[in-house]
Amino acid sequence: MELNEFLDKAYAVLRRLDAVLPPEPGHTDWNALAFRWQSAGKKGFLEHLPDPHTFPLVRLAGVGRQTELLVRNTEQFIVGRPANNVLMSGARGTGKSSLVKALLHEYADKGLRLIEVDKSDLIGLPYLLTLLKERPEKFIVFCDDLSFESGDETYKALKTALDGGLSQRCANVLVYATSNRRHLMPEYFDENAGTTGMRGEIHQKEAVEEKISLSDRF
């Protein structure tokens, strides 16, 4: 093969690859108030959101008790006191997501930042935490409308992030998630049908406990 022919073919392959590869991560704008996490394999990058959709908490109606609890937890987080990861479950349209977004309006001037993470991008969550752990800001990783189907392995990345794995949990990161159901993993009637269950799982109780353990991290 002639050199020019080889170079032409190589260039054609590179052009095709360029169409499917994720964009090269740029410099993170840490002055931004809100971000979207874009995973690329088990890594990724932060895309800043120049005009985040947020508003004052007082505009929300009918969520008084939830607001009180979430505000108290967030304020403790901001000042470095113990705070919890939060899972808000309930029917659609009850203000769960709006409540989280309103926190950015209230506490951005105190160093709070919001990072939106889609379920499909959770695989890169451990890498995201390595980017955040040395930052002075306080970050809420926001997972909206979260749930997992059978065979979905991305929940393990979230579970590891909530536990801290072998490393300590990031003191400047909390996970706030919303979901339409309290248990994030599906459960089936046959999982309580006996010692082995209808699908042959020998240690059926352990399998069920594994499914509910993710919700217990919140």
N, C-alpha and C. Protein backbone atom coordinates (compact mmCIF):
# COMPACT_ATOMS: atom_id res chain seq x y z
N MET A 1 0.85 -1.20 0.00
CA MET A 1 0.00 0.00 0.00
C MET A 1 0.88 1.25 0.00
N GLU A 2 0.57 2.18 -0.91
CA GLU A 2 1.32 3.42 -0.97
C GLU A 2 1.05 4.25 0.29
N LEU A 3 2.04 5.07 0.65
CA LEU A 3 1.93 5.89 1.85
C LEU A 3 0.73 6.82 1.78
N ASN A 4 0.54 7.46 0.63
CA ASN A 4 -0.58 8.39 0.51
C ASN A 4 -1.93 7.68 0.66
N GLU A 5 -2.02 6.46 0.10
CA GLU A 5 -3.26 5.69 0.22
C GLU A 5 -3.52 5.33 1.68
N PHE A 6 -2.44 4.93 2.38
CA PHE A 6 -2.57 4.59 3.80
C PHE A 6 -3.02 5.80 4.61
N LEU A 7 -2.42 6.96 4.35
CA LEU A 7 -2.78 8.17 5.09
C LEU A 7 -4.23 8.57 4.81
N ASP A 8 -4.67 8.40 3.57
CA ASP A 8 -6.06 8.73 3.24
C ASP A 8 -7.03 7.85 4.01
N LYS A 9 -6.72 6.54 4.09
CA LYS A 9 -7.59 5.62 4.81
C LYS A 9 -7.58 5.92 6.31
N ALA A 10 -6.39 6.23 6.82
CA ALA A 10 -6.28 6.56 8.25
C ALA A 10 -7.08 7.82 8.57
N TYR A 11 -7.01 8.80 7.69
CA TYR A 11 -7.75 10.05 7.89
C TYR A 11 -9.25 9.80 7.87
N ALA A 12 -9.69 8.90 6.96
CA ALA A 12 -11.12 8.58 6.88
C ALA A 12 -11.60 7.90 8.16
N VAL A 13 -10.77 7.00 8.70
CA VAL A 13 -11.12 6.32 9.95
C VAL A 13 -11.20 7.33 11.10
N LEU A 14 -10.26 8.25 11.17
CA LEU A 14 -10.25 9.25 12.24
C LEU A 14 -11.48 10.15 12.16
N ARG A 15 -11.89 10.49 10.95
CA ARG A 15 -13.10 11.32 10.81
C ARG A 15 -14.33 10.58 11.32
N ARG A 16 -14.41 9.28 11.04
CA ARG A 16 -15.55 8.49 11.51
C ARG A 16 -15.52 8.36 13.03
N LEU A 17 -14.34 8.19 13.60
CA LEU A 17 -14.22 8.11 15.05
C LEU A 17 -14.59 9.43 15.71
N ASP A 18 -14.21 10.52 15.08
CA ASP A 18 -14.48 11.85 15.64
C ASP A 18 -15.98 12.09 15.78
N ALA A 19 -16.76 11.45 14.93
CA ALA A 19 -18.21 11.66 14.96
C ALA A 19 -18.87 10.95 16.15
N VAL A 20 -18.22 9.93 16.69
CA VAL A 20 -18.85 9.15 17.77
C VAL A 20 -18.17 9.33 19.11
N LEU A 21 -16.94 9.82 19.13
CA LEU A 21 -16.25 10.02 20.40
C LEU A 21 -16.81 11.23 21.14
N PRO A 22 -16.78 11.22 22.47
CA PRO A 22 -17.25 12.38 23.23
C PRO A 22 -16.33 13.57 23.00
N PRO A 23 -16.83 14.78 23.17
CA PRO A 23 -15.98 15.95 22.97
C PRO A 23 -14.83 15.97 23.97
N GLU A 24 -13.73 16.53 23.55
CA GLU A 24 -12.58 16.64 24.44
C GLU A 24 -12.93 17.57 25.60
N PRO A 25 -12.73 17.12 26.84
CA PRO A 25 -13.10 17.96 27.98
C PRO A 25 -12.28 19.23 28.01
N GLY A 26 -12.96 20.33 28.24
CA GLY A 26 -12.27 21.59 28.33
C GLY A 26 -11.96 21.93 29.78
N HIS A 27 -11.49 23.12 30.00
CA HIS A 27 -11.18 23.58 31.35
C HIS A 27 -12.47 23.81 32.12
N THR A 28 -12.54 23.30 33.33
CA THR A 28 -13.74 23.47 34.15
C THR A 28 -13.84 24.90 34.64
N ASP A 29 -14.97 25.53 34.40
CA ASP A 29 -15.21 26.89 34.87
C ASP A 29 -15.76 26.82 36.29
N TRP A 30 -14.87 26.88 37.26
CA TRP A 30 -15.29 26.74 38.66
C TRP A 30 -16.03 27.96 39.17
N ASN A 31 -16.11 29.02 38.38
CA ASN A 31 -16.92 30.18 38.77
C ASN A 31 -18.40 29.96 38.52
N ALA A 32 -18.74 28.93 37.75
CA ALA A 32 -20.14 28.63 37.46
C ALA A 32 -20.85 28.16 38.72
N LEU A 33 -22.18 28.35 38.74
CA LEU A 33 -23.00 27.94 39.88
C LEU A 33 -23.59 26.55 39.69
N ALA A 34 -23.77 26.14 38.45
CA ALA A 34 -24.40 24.85 38.17
C ALA A 34 -23.67 24.16 37.02
N PHE A 35 -23.69 22.83 37.07
CA PHE A 35 -22.97 22.03 36.09
C PHE A 35 -23.82 20.83 35.69
N ARG A 36 -23.45 20.25 34.56
CA ARG A 36 -23.98 18.95 34.16
C ARG A 36 -22.79 18.01 33.96
N TRP A 37 -22.85 16.85 34.59
CA TRP A 37 -21.78 15.87 34.46
C TRP A 37 -21.97 15.05 33.20
N GLN A 38 -20.93 15.02 32.37
CA GLN A 38 -20.94 14.26 31.13
C GLN A 38 -19.91 13.15 31.27
N SER A 39 -20.37 11.91 31.34
CA SER A 39 -19.44 10.80 31.49
C SER A 39 -18.84 10.42 30.15
N ALA A 40 -17.61 9.93 30.20
CA ALA A 40 -16.91 9.40 29.02
C ALA A 40 -16.18 8.16 29.50
N GLY A 41 -16.78 7.00 29.29
CA GLY A 41 -16.26 5.79 29.90
C GLY A 41 -16.48 5.86 31.40
N LYS A 42 -15.44 5.59 32.17
CA LYS A 42 -15.54 5.69 33.62
C LYS A 42 -15.01 7.03 34.13
N LYS A 43 -14.73 7.93 33.20
CA LYS A 43 -14.33 9.29 33.57
C LYS A 43 -15.38 10.26 33.03
N GLY A 44 -14.99 11.50 32.81
CA GLY A 44 -15.94 12.46 32.28
C GLY A 44 -15.48 13.88 32.54
N PHE A 45 -16.39 14.83 32.35
CA PHE A 45 -16.05 16.23 32.57
C PHE A 45 -17.30 17.01 32.96
N LEU A 46 -17.08 18.17 33.54
CA LEU A 46 -18.17 19.04 33.98
C LEU A 46 -18.46 20.09 32.92
N GLU A 47 -19.69 20.12 32.48
CA GLU A 47 -20.16 21.15 31.55
C GLU A 47 -20.91 22.20 32.36
N HIS A 48 -20.43 23.44 32.33
CA HIS A 48 -21.10 24.45 33.15
C HIS A 48 -22.40 24.90 32.48
N LEU A 49 -23.38 25.21 33.30
CA LEU A 49 -24.68 25.68 32.83
C LEU A 49 -24.76 27.18 33.07
N PRO A 50 -24.69 27.98 32.02
CA PRO A 50 -24.59 29.43 32.19
C PRO A 50 -25.84 30.08 32.76
N ASP A 51 -27.00 29.47 32.58
CA ASP A 51 -28.25 30.09 33.04
C ASP A 51 -29.11 29.04 33.74
N PRO A 52 -28.72 28.60 34.94
CA PRO A 52 -29.47 27.53 35.62
C PRO A 52 -30.88 27.97 35.98
N HIS A 53 -31.81 27.02 35.86
CA HIS A 53 -33.21 27.29 36.19
C HIS A 53 -33.40 27.18 37.69
N THR A 54 -33.49 28.30 38.36
CA THR A 54 -33.66 28.32 39.80
C THR A 54 -34.50 29.52 40.20
N PHE A 55 -34.97 29.52 41.45
CA PHE A 55 -35.92 30.54 41.90
C PHE A 55 -35.98 30.50 43.42
N PRO A 56 -36.56 31.52 44.06
CA PRO A 56 -36.61 31.56 45.53
C PRO A 56 -37.49 30.44 46.10
N LEU A 57 -37.13 29.99 47.27
CA LEU A 57 -37.90 28.95 47.94
C LEU A 57 -39.33 29.39 48.24
N VAL A 58 -39.53 30.68 48.48
CA VAL A 58 -40.85 31.17 48.87
C VAL A 58 -41.87 31.00 47.75
N ARG A 59 -41.42 30.75 46.53
CA ARG A 59 -42.36 30.55 45.43
C ARG A 59 -42.99 29.16 45.43
N LEU A 60 -42.44 28.27 46.22
CA LEU A 60 -42.98 26.90 46.27
C LEU A 60 -44.09 26.82 47.30
N ALA A 61 -45.19 26.21 46.90
CA ALA A 61 -46.35 26.08 47.79
C ALA A 61 -46.61 24.61 48.09
N GLY A 62 -47.09 24.34 49.30
CA GLY A 62 -47.52 22.99 49.65
C GLY A 62 -46.40 22.03 49.97
N VAL A 63 -45.19 22.53 50.19
CA VAL A 63 -44.07 21.64 50.53
C VAL A 63 -43.37 22.15 51.79
N GLY A 64 -44.14 22.70 52.72
CA GLY A 64 -43.58 23.34 53.90
C GLY A 64 -42.69 22.43 54.73
N ARG A 65 -43.18 21.25 55.09
CA ARG A 65 -42.41 20.33 55.92
C ARG A 65 -41.17 19.85 55.19
N GLN A 66 -41.31 19.49 53.92
CA GLN A 66 -40.16 19.04 53.14
C GLN A 66 -39.11 20.14 53.03
N THR A 67 -39.59 21.38 52.83
CA THR A 67 -38.67 22.51 52.72
C THR A 67 -37.89 22.69 54.01
N GLU A 68 -38.58 22.61 55.13
CA GLU A 68 -37.92 22.79 56.43
C GLU A 68 -36.81 21.77 56.64
N LEU A 69 -37.11 20.51 56.34
CA LEU A 69 -36.11 19.45 56.55
C LEU A 69 -34.93 19.60 55.60
N LEU A 70 -35.23 19.90 54.33
CA LEU A 70 -34.15 20.01 53.35
C LEU A 70 -33.28 21.23 53.60
N VAL A 71 -33.90 22.34 53.97
CA VAL A 71 -33.15 23.55 54.28
C VAL A 71 -32.23 23.33 55.47
N ARG A 72 -32.75 22.69 56.51
CA ARG A 72 -31.93 22.43 57.69
C ARG A 72 -30.73 21.55 57.35
N ASN A 73 -30.97 20.51 56.58
CA ASN A 73 -29.88 19.61 56.18
C ASN A 73 -28.85 20.34 55.33
N THR A 74 -29.32 21.17 54.40
CA THR A 74 -28.42 21.89 53.51
C THR A 74 -27.60 22.92 54.27
N GLU A 75 -28.22 23.62 55.20
CA GLU A 75 -27.49 24.61 55.98
C GLU A 75 -26.41 23.96 56.85
N GLN A 76 -26.72 22.79 57.40
CA GLN A 76 -25.70 22.07 58.17
C GLN A 76 -24.54 21.66 57.28
N PHE A 77 -24.85 21.24 56.07
CA PHE A 77 -23.83 20.86 55.10
C PHE A 77 -22.92 22.03 54.77
N ILE A 78 -23.50 23.19 54.54
CA ILE A 78 -22.73 24.36 54.12
C ILE A 78 -21.75 24.80 55.20
N VAL A 79 -22.14 24.70 56.46
CA VAL A 79 -21.26 25.16 57.54
C VAL A 79 -20.34 24.05 58.05
N GLY A 80 -20.36 22.89 57.40
CA GLY A 80 -19.44 21.83 57.77
C GLY A 80 -19.91 20.91 58.87
N ARG A 81 -21.18 20.98 59.23
CA ARG A 81 -21.72 20.08 60.24
C ARG A 81 -22.24 18.80 59.56
N PRO A 82 -22.48 17.73 60.33
CA PRO A 82 -22.98 16.49 59.73
C PRO A 82 -24.29 16.70 58.97
N ALA A 83 -24.37 16.14 57.78
CA ALA A 83 -25.57 16.25 56.95
C ALA A 83 -25.74 14.95 56.18
N ASN A 84 -26.94 14.73 55.70
CA ASN A 84 -27.29 13.46 55.07
C ASN A 84 -27.49 13.59 53.57
N ASN A 85 -27.19 12.51 52.85
CA ASN A 85 -27.69 12.39 51.49
C ASN A 85 -29.21 12.29 51.57
N VAL A 86 -29.89 12.74 50.53
CA VAL A 86 -31.35 12.85 50.58
C VAL A 86 -31.98 12.16 49.38
N LEU A 87 -32.97 11.31 49.66
CA LEU A 87 -33.82 10.73 48.61
C LEU A 87 -35.24 11.20 48.86
N MET A 88 -35.78 11.99 47.93
CA MET A 88 -37.16 12.46 48.03
C MET A 88 -38.02 11.63 47.08
N SER A 89 -38.94 10.88 47.64
CA SER A 89 -39.81 10.03 46.82
C SER A 89 -41.24 10.53 46.90
N GLY A 90 -41.99 10.28 45.86
CA GLY A 90 -43.38 10.71 45.81
C GLY A 90 -43.86 10.81 44.38
N ALA A 91 -45.12 11.15 44.23
CA ALA A 91 -45.73 11.23 42.91
C ALA A 91 -45.11 12.36 42.08
N ARG A 92 -45.26 12.25 40.78
CA ARG A 92 -44.79 13.30 39.89
C ARG A 92 -45.53 14.61 40.16
N GLY A 93 -44.82 15.71 39.94
CA GLY A 93 -45.46 17.01 40.04
C GLY A 93 -45.68 17.52 41.44
N THR A 94 -44.98 16.95 42.43
CA THR A 94 -45.18 17.38 43.81
C THR A 94 -44.09 18.33 44.29
N GLY A 95 -43.24 18.80 43.38
CA GLY A 95 -42.27 19.83 43.73
C GLY A 95 -40.92 19.32 44.22
N LYS A 96 -40.64 18.04 44.05
CA LYS A 96 -39.38 17.49 44.55
C LYS A 96 -38.18 18.13 43.85
N SER A 97 -38.20 18.14 42.53
CA SER A 97 -37.08 18.70 41.77
C SER A 97 -36.97 20.20 41.97
N SER A 98 -38.09 20.88 41.99
CA SER A 98 -38.09 22.33 42.17
C SER A 98 -37.47 22.72 43.50
N LEU A 99 -37.71 21.92 44.50
CA LEU A 99 -37.16 22.20 45.83
C LEU A 99 -35.64 22.17 45.82
N VAL A 100 -35.07 21.20 45.13
CA VAL A 100 -33.61 21.12 45.05
C VAL A 100 -33.05 22.30 44.26
N LYS A 101 -33.69 22.63 43.15
CA LYS A 101 -33.20 23.74 42.32
C LYS A 101 -33.27 25.07 43.07
N ALA A 102 -34.29 25.24 43.91
CA ALA A 102 -34.43 26.48 44.66
C ALA A 102 -33.31 26.65 45.69
N LEU A 103 -32.74 25.57 46.15
CA LEU A 103 -31.64 25.67 47.11
C LEU A 103 -30.46 26.43 46.53
N LEU A 104 -30.22 26.28 45.23
CA LEU A 104 -29.11 26.98 44.59
C LEU A 104 -29.33 28.48 44.66
N HIS A 105 -30.56 28.92 44.45
CA HIS A 105 -30.88 30.35 44.54
C HIS A 105 -30.61 30.88 45.95
N GLU A 106 -30.93 30.08 46.95
CA GLU A 106 -30.83 30.54 48.33
C GLU A 106 -29.39 30.54 48.85
N TYR A 107 -28.57 29.60 48.39
CA TYR A 107 -27.28 29.39 49.05
C TYR A 107 -26.07 29.46 48.12
N ALA A 108 -26.25 29.91 46.90
CA ALA A 108 -25.11 30.03 45.99
C ALA A 108 -24.06 31.00 46.53
N ASP A 109 -24.52 32.07 47.18
CA ASP A 109 -23.58 33.05 47.70
C ASP A 109 -22.81 32.54 48.92
N LYS A 110 -23.21 31.38 49.43
CA LYS A 110 -22.50 30.76 50.55
C LYS A 110 -21.64 29.57 50.09
N GLY A 111 -21.48 29.47 48.79
CA GLY A 111 -20.58 28.45 48.25
C GLY A 111 -21.24 27.18 47.76
N LEU A 112 -22.58 27.15 47.74
CA LEU A 112 -23.27 25.95 47.27
C LEU A 112 -23.26 25.89 45.74
N ARG A 113 -23.00 24.71 45.20
CA ARG A 113 -23.02 24.48 43.77
C ARG A 113 -23.86 23.24 43.48
N LEU A 114 -24.47 23.20 42.31
CA LEU A 114 -25.36 22.10 41.93
C LEU A 114 -24.80 21.40 40.69
N ILE A 115 -24.71 20.07 40.75
CA ILE A 115 -24.24 19.28 39.62
C ILE A 115 -25.33 18.28 39.25
N GLU A 116 -25.86 18.42 38.06
CA GLU A 116 -26.90 17.52 37.57
C GLU A 116 -26.25 16.29 36.94
N VAL A 117 -26.66 15.11 37.41
CA VAL A 117 -26.10 13.86 36.89
C VAL A 117 -27.23 12.96 36.45
N ASP A 118 -27.25 12.63 35.17
CA ASP A 118 -28.24 11.70 34.65
C ASP A 118 -27.90 10.28 35.07
N LYS A 119 -28.93 9.44 35.18
CA LYS A 119 -28.69 8.06 35.60
C LYS A 119 -27.66 7.36 34.71
N SER A 120 -27.70 7.63 33.42
CA SER A 120 -26.78 6.97 32.49
C SER A 120 -25.34 7.41 32.69
N ASP A 121 -25.13 8.52 33.40
CA ASP A 121 -23.78 9.03 33.63
C ASP A 121 -23.24 8.69 35.01
N LEU A 122 -23.98 7.91 35.79
CA LEU A 122 -23.54 7.57 37.14
C LEU A 122 -22.28 6.72 37.16
N ILE A 123 -21.99 6.04 36.06
CA ILE A 123 -20.82 5.17 36.01
C ILE A 123 -19.55 5.97 36.26
N GLY A 124 -19.57 7.26 35.92
CA GLY A 124 -18.39 8.11 36.12
C GLY A 124 -18.41 8.87 37.43
N LEU A 125 -19.36 8.56 38.31
CA LEU A 125 -19.49 9.30 39.57
C LEU A 125 -18.25 9.19 40.47
N PRO A 126 -17.64 8.01 40.63
CA PRO A 126 -16.43 7.96 41.45
C PRO A 126 -15.33 8.90 40.96
N TYR A 127 -15.19 9.01 39.63
CA TYR A 127 -14.18 9.92 39.09
C TYR A 127 -14.56 11.37 39.36
N LEU A 128 -15.84 11.69 39.26
CA LEU A 128 -16.30 13.05 39.56
C LEU A 128 -15.91 13.44 40.99
N LEU A 129 -16.07 12.53 41.92
CA LEU A 129 -15.74 12.84 43.31
C LEU A 129 -14.27 13.17 43.49
N THR A 130 -13.40 12.54 42.70
CA THR A 130 -11.98 12.87 42.79
C THR A 130 -11.70 14.29 42.31
N LEU A 131 -12.53 14.79 41.39
CA LEU A 131 -12.37 16.17 40.92
C LEU A 131 -12.86 17.18 41.95
N LEU A 132 -13.82 16.78 42.76
CA LEU A 132 -14.47 17.72 43.68
C LEU A 132 -13.85 17.77 45.06
N LYS A 133 -13.18 16.70 45.47
CA LYS A 133 -12.84 16.57 46.89
C LYS A 133 -11.88 17.65 47.40
N GLU A 134 -11.08 18.25 46.52
CA GLU A 134 -10.13 19.28 46.96
C GLU A 134 -10.67 20.69 46.76
N ARG A 135 -11.88 20.81 46.25
CA ARG A 135 -12.45 22.13 45.99
C ARG A 135 -13.01 22.74 47.28
N PRO A 136 -13.01 24.08 47.39
CA PRO A 136 -13.55 24.72 48.60
C PRO A 136 -15.07 24.82 48.61
N GLU A 137 -15.71 24.68 47.44
CA GLU A 137 -17.16 24.82 47.38
C GLU A 137 -17.86 23.59 47.97
N LYS A 138 -19.16 23.74 48.22
CA LYS A 138 -20.00 22.63 48.65
C LYS A 138 -20.87 22.22 47.46
N PHE A 139 -20.84 20.94 47.11
CA PHE A 139 -21.52 20.47 45.91
C PHE A 139 -22.67 19.53 46.26
N ILE A 140 -23.82 19.79 45.64
CA ILE A 140 -24.93 18.85 45.67
C ILE A 140 -24.96 18.15 44.31
N VAL A 141 -24.77 16.85 44.32
CA VAL A 141 -24.92 16.04 43.11
C VAL A 141 -26.40 15.68 43.01
N PHE A 142 -27.05 16.16 41.98
CA PHE A 142 -28.51 16.06 41.85
C PHE A 142 -28.88 15.01 40.81
N CYS A 143 -29.56 13.95 41.25
CA CYS A 143 -30.04 12.90 40.36
C CYS A 143 -31.56 12.95 40.34
N ASP A 144 -32.13 13.40 39.26
CA ASP A 144 -33.58 13.59 39.17
C ASP A 144 -34.26 12.36 38.58
N ASP A 145 -35.43 12.04 39.13
CA ASP A 145 -36.26 10.94 38.62
C ASP A 145 -35.46 9.64 38.54
N LEU A 146 -34.89 9.26 39.67
CA LEU A 146 -33.96 8.14 39.71
C LEU A 146 -34.67 6.83 40.00
N SER A 147 -34.35 5.82 39.23
CA SER A 147 -34.79 4.44 39.49
C SER A 147 -33.94 3.53 38.61
N PHE A 148 -33.90 2.26 38.96
CA PHE A 148 -33.07 1.31 38.22
C PHE A 148 -33.89 0.09 37.85
N GLU A 149 -33.60 -0.47 36.70
CA GLU A 149 -34.26 -1.68 36.25
C GLU A 149 -33.40 -2.90 36.55
N SER A 150 -33.99 -4.07 36.45
CA SER A 150 -33.24 -5.30 36.68
C SER A 150 -32.07 -5.39 35.70
N GLY A 151 -30.91 -5.76 36.21
CA GLY A 151 -29.73 -5.88 35.37
C GLY A 151 -28.97 -4.59 35.16
N ASP A 152 -29.48 -3.48 35.70
CA ASP A 152 -28.81 -2.19 35.57
C ASP A 152 -27.70 -2.10 36.62
N GLU A 153 -26.46 -2.03 36.15
CA GLU A 153 -25.32 -2.05 37.07
C GLU A 153 -24.88 -0.66 37.50
N THR A 154 -25.46 0.40 36.94
CA THR A 154 -25.00 1.74 37.29
C THR A 154 -25.28 2.10 38.74
N TYR A 155 -26.24 1.39 39.35
CA TYR A 155 -26.56 1.70 40.75
C TYR A 155 -25.36 1.42 41.66
N LYS A 156 -24.46 0.52 41.25
CA LYS A 156 -23.31 0.19 42.08
C LYS A 156 -22.36 1.38 42.21
N ALA A 157 -22.25 2.18 41.15
CA ALA A 157 -21.40 3.37 41.23
C ALA A 157 -21.97 4.37 42.23
N LEU A 158 -23.30 4.52 42.24
CA LEU A 158 -23.94 5.42 43.19
C LEU A 158 -23.78 4.88 44.61
N LYS A 159 -23.96 3.60 44.78
CA LYS A 159 -23.83 2.98 46.10
C LYS A 159 -22.43 3.17 46.65
N THR A 160 -21.41 2.99 45.80
CA THR A 160 -20.03 3.19 46.22
C THR A 160 -19.78 4.63 46.63
N ALA A 161 -20.34 5.57 45.85
CA ALA A 161 -20.16 6.99 46.17
C ALA A 161 -20.81 7.35 47.50
N LEU A 162 -21.96 6.76 47.79
CA LEU A 162 -22.65 7.05 49.04
C LEU A 162 -21.91 6.45 50.23
N ASP A 163 -21.31 5.30 50.02
CA ASP A 163 -20.57 4.62 51.10
C ASP A 163 -19.18 5.20 51.30
N GLY A 164 -18.57 5.67 50.21
CA GLY A 164 -17.19 6.10 50.27
C GLY A 164 -16.20 5.04 49.84
N GLY A 165 -16.66 3.79 49.70
CA GLY A 165 -15.74 2.73 49.30
C GLY A 165 -14.60 2.60 50.30
N LEU A 166 -13.40 2.37 49.79
CA LEU A 166 -12.23 2.28 50.66
C LEU A 166 -11.73 3.64 51.10
N SER A 167 -12.15 4.68 50.41
CA SER A 167 -11.75 6.04 50.78
C SER A 167 -12.84 6.68 51.61
N GLN A 168 -12.51 7.78 52.25
CA GLN A 168 -13.50 8.51 53.02
C GLN A 168 -14.47 9.22 52.08
N ARG A 169 -15.69 9.39 52.56
CA ARG A 169 -16.66 10.16 51.77
C ARG A 169 -16.19 11.60 51.66
N CYS A 170 -16.49 12.22 50.52
CA CYS A 170 -16.12 13.62 50.32
C CYS A 170 -16.95 14.49 51.26
N ALA A 171 -16.28 15.26 52.09
CA ALA A 171 -16.98 16.11 53.05
C ALA A 171 -17.70 17.26 52.38
N ASN A 172 -17.33 17.57 51.14
CA ASN A 172 -17.95 18.71 50.46
C ASN A 172 -18.94 18.29 49.38
N VAL A 173 -19.40 17.04 49.43
CA VAL A 173 -20.35 16.54 48.42
C VAL A 173 -21.48 15.78 49.10
N LEU A 174 -22.71 16.12 48.72
CA LEU A 174 -23.89 15.35 49.10
C LEU A 174 -24.64 14.95 47.83
N VAL A 175 -25.38 13.86 47.91
CA VAL A 175 -26.23 13.42 46.81
C VAL A 175 -27.68 13.69 47.20
N TYR A 176 -28.37 14.48 46.37
CA TYR A 176 -29.81 14.69 46.52
C TYR A 176 -30.47 14.04 45.31
N ALA A 177 -31.38 13.12 45.56
CA ALA A 177 -32.04 12.40 44.47
C ALA A 177 -33.55 12.47 44.63
N THR A 178 -34.25 12.45 43.51
CA THR A 178 -35.71 12.36 43.53
C THR A 178 -36.12 11.08 42.80
N SER A 179 -37.24 10.52 43.22
CA SER A 179 -37.73 9.31 42.58
C SER A 179 -39.22 9.19 42.81
N ASN A 180 -39.87 8.47 41.90
CA ASN A 180 -41.30 8.22 42.06
C ASN A 180 -41.57 7.02 42.96
N ARG A 181 -40.51 6.33 43.37
CA ARG A 181 -40.70 5.19 44.27
C ARG A 181 -39.63 5.18 45.34
N ARG A 182 -40.01 4.66 46.51
CA ARG A 182 -39.10 4.69 47.66
C ARG A 182 -37.94 3.73 47.47
N HIS A 183 -38.20 2.54 46.96
CA HIS A 183 -37.13 1.59 46.70
C HIS A 183 -36.69 1.73 45.25
N LEU A 184 -35.41 2.03 45.05
CA LEU A 184 -34.92 2.38 43.73
C LEU A 184 -34.74 1.19 42.80
N MET A 185 -34.65 -0.01 43.38
CA MET A 185 -34.51 -1.22 42.58
C MET A 185 -35.83 -1.97 42.56
N PRO A 186 -36.21 -2.59 41.43
CA PRO A 186 -37.47 -3.32 41.37
C PRO A 186 -37.43 -4.57 42.23
N GLU A 187 -38.57 -4.88 42.85
CA GLU A 187 -38.72 -6.11 43.61
C GLU A 187 -39.89 -6.89 43.03
N TYR A 188 -39.86 -8.22 43.21
CA TYR A 188 -40.87 -9.08 42.61
C TYR A 188 -41.51 -9.96 43.68
N PHE A 189 -42.77 -10.34 43.44
CA PHE A 189 -43.48 -11.18 44.39
C PHE A 189 -42.73 -12.50 44.62
N ASP A 190 -42.14 -13.05 43.57
CA ASP A 190 -41.49 -14.35 43.73
C ASP A 190 -40.23 -14.28 44.58
N GLU A 191 -39.76 -13.07 44.87
CA GLU A 191 -38.60 -12.95 45.73
C GLU A 191 -38.95 -13.22 47.20
N ASN A 192 -40.23 -13.27 47.50
CA ASN A 192 -40.68 -13.63 48.83
C ASN A 192 -41.45 -14.94 48.82
N ALA A 193 -41.23 -15.75 47.77
CA ALA A 193 -42.03 -16.95 47.58
C ALA A 193 -41.42 -18.19 48.23
N GLY A 194 -40.31 -18.04 48.94
CA GLY A 194 -39.71 -19.20 49.58
C GLY A 194 -38.21 -19.07 49.63
N THR A 195 -37.55 -20.12 50.03
CA THR A 195 -36.11 -20.08 50.23
C THR A 195 -35.36 -19.81 48.94
N THR A 196 -35.80 -20.44 47.87
CA THR A 196 -35.07 -20.29 46.61
C THR A 196 -35.76 -19.35 45.65
N GLY A 197 -37.05 -19.08 45.81
CA GLY A 197 -37.75 -18.23 44.87
C GLY A 197 -38.00 -18.97 43.57
N MET A 198 -38.81 -18.40 42.72
CA MET A 198 -39.20 -19.06 41.48
C MET A 198 -38.08 -19.04 40.46
N ARG A 199 -37.11 -18.12 40.63
CA ARG A 199 -36.07 -17.99 39.62
C ARG A 199 -34.76 -18.66 40.05
N GLY A 200 -34.78 -19.43 41.16
CA GLY A 200 -33.64 -20.27 41.49
C GLY A 200 -32.56 -19.62 42.32
N GLU A 201 -32.75 -18.42 42.82
CA GLU A 201 -31.74 -17.78 43.67
C GLU A 201 -31.68 -18.52 45.00
N ILE A 202 -30.51 -19.05 45.36
CA ILE A 202 -30.39 -19.84 46.58
C ILE A 202 -30.50 -18.95 47.81
N HIS A 203 -29.72 -17.89 47.83
CA HIS A 203 -29.74 -16.97 48.97
C HIS A 203 -30.67 -15.80 48.63
N GLN A 204 -31.95 -16.09 48.57
CA GLN A 204 -32.92 -15.11 48.11
C GLN A 204 -32.98 -13.89 49.03
N LYS A 205 -32.89 -14.12 50.33
CA LYS A 205 -32.95 -13.00 51.27
C LYS A 205 -31.82 -12.03 51.03
N GLU A 206 -30.62 -12.54 50.75
CA GLU A 206 -29.49 -11.67 50.49
C GLU A 206 -29.70 -10.87 49.21
N ALA A 207 -30.31 -11.49 48.21
CA ALA A 207 -30.57 -10.78 46.95
C ALA A 207 -31.54 -9.63 47.17
N VAL A 208 -32.57 -9.85 48.00
CA VAL A 208 -33.54 -8.80 48.29
C VAL A 208 -32.88 -7.68 49.08
N GLU A 209 -32.06 -8.04 50.07
CA GLU A 209 -31.38 -7.03 50.87
C GLU A 209 -30.46 -6.18 50.02
N GLU A 210 -29.83 -6.79 49.03
CA GLU A 210 -28.97 -6.04 48.11
C GLU A 210 -29.77 -4.99 47.36
N LYS A 211 -30.99 -5.33 46.99
CA LYS A 211 -31.82 -4.39 46.23
C LYS A 211 -32.27 -3.20 47.06
N ILE A 212 -32.60 -3.43 48.33
CA ILE A 212 -33.09 -2.32 49.14
C ILE A 212 -31.96 -1.55 49.81
N SER A 213 -30.73 -2.08 49.75
CA SER A 213 -29.62 -1.44 50.46
C SER A 213 -29.28 -0.08 49.88
N LEU A 214 -29.52 0.14 48.60
CA LEU A 214 -29.21 1.44 48.01
C LEU A 214 -30.07 2.53 48.63
N SER A 215 -31.36 2.31 48.77
CA SER A 215 -32.24 3.30 49.39
C SER A 215 -31.85 3.55 50.83
N ASP A 216 -31.32 2.53 51.50
CA ASP A 216 -30.91 2.68 52.90
C ASP A 216 -29.72 3.62 53.05
N ARG A 217 -29.00 3.90 51.97
CA ARG A 217 -27.85 4.80 52.06
C ARG A 217 -28.28 6.25 52.22
N PHE A 218 -29.53 6.54 51.96
CA PHE A 218 -30.01 7.92 52.09
C PHE A 218 -30.57 8.15 53.49
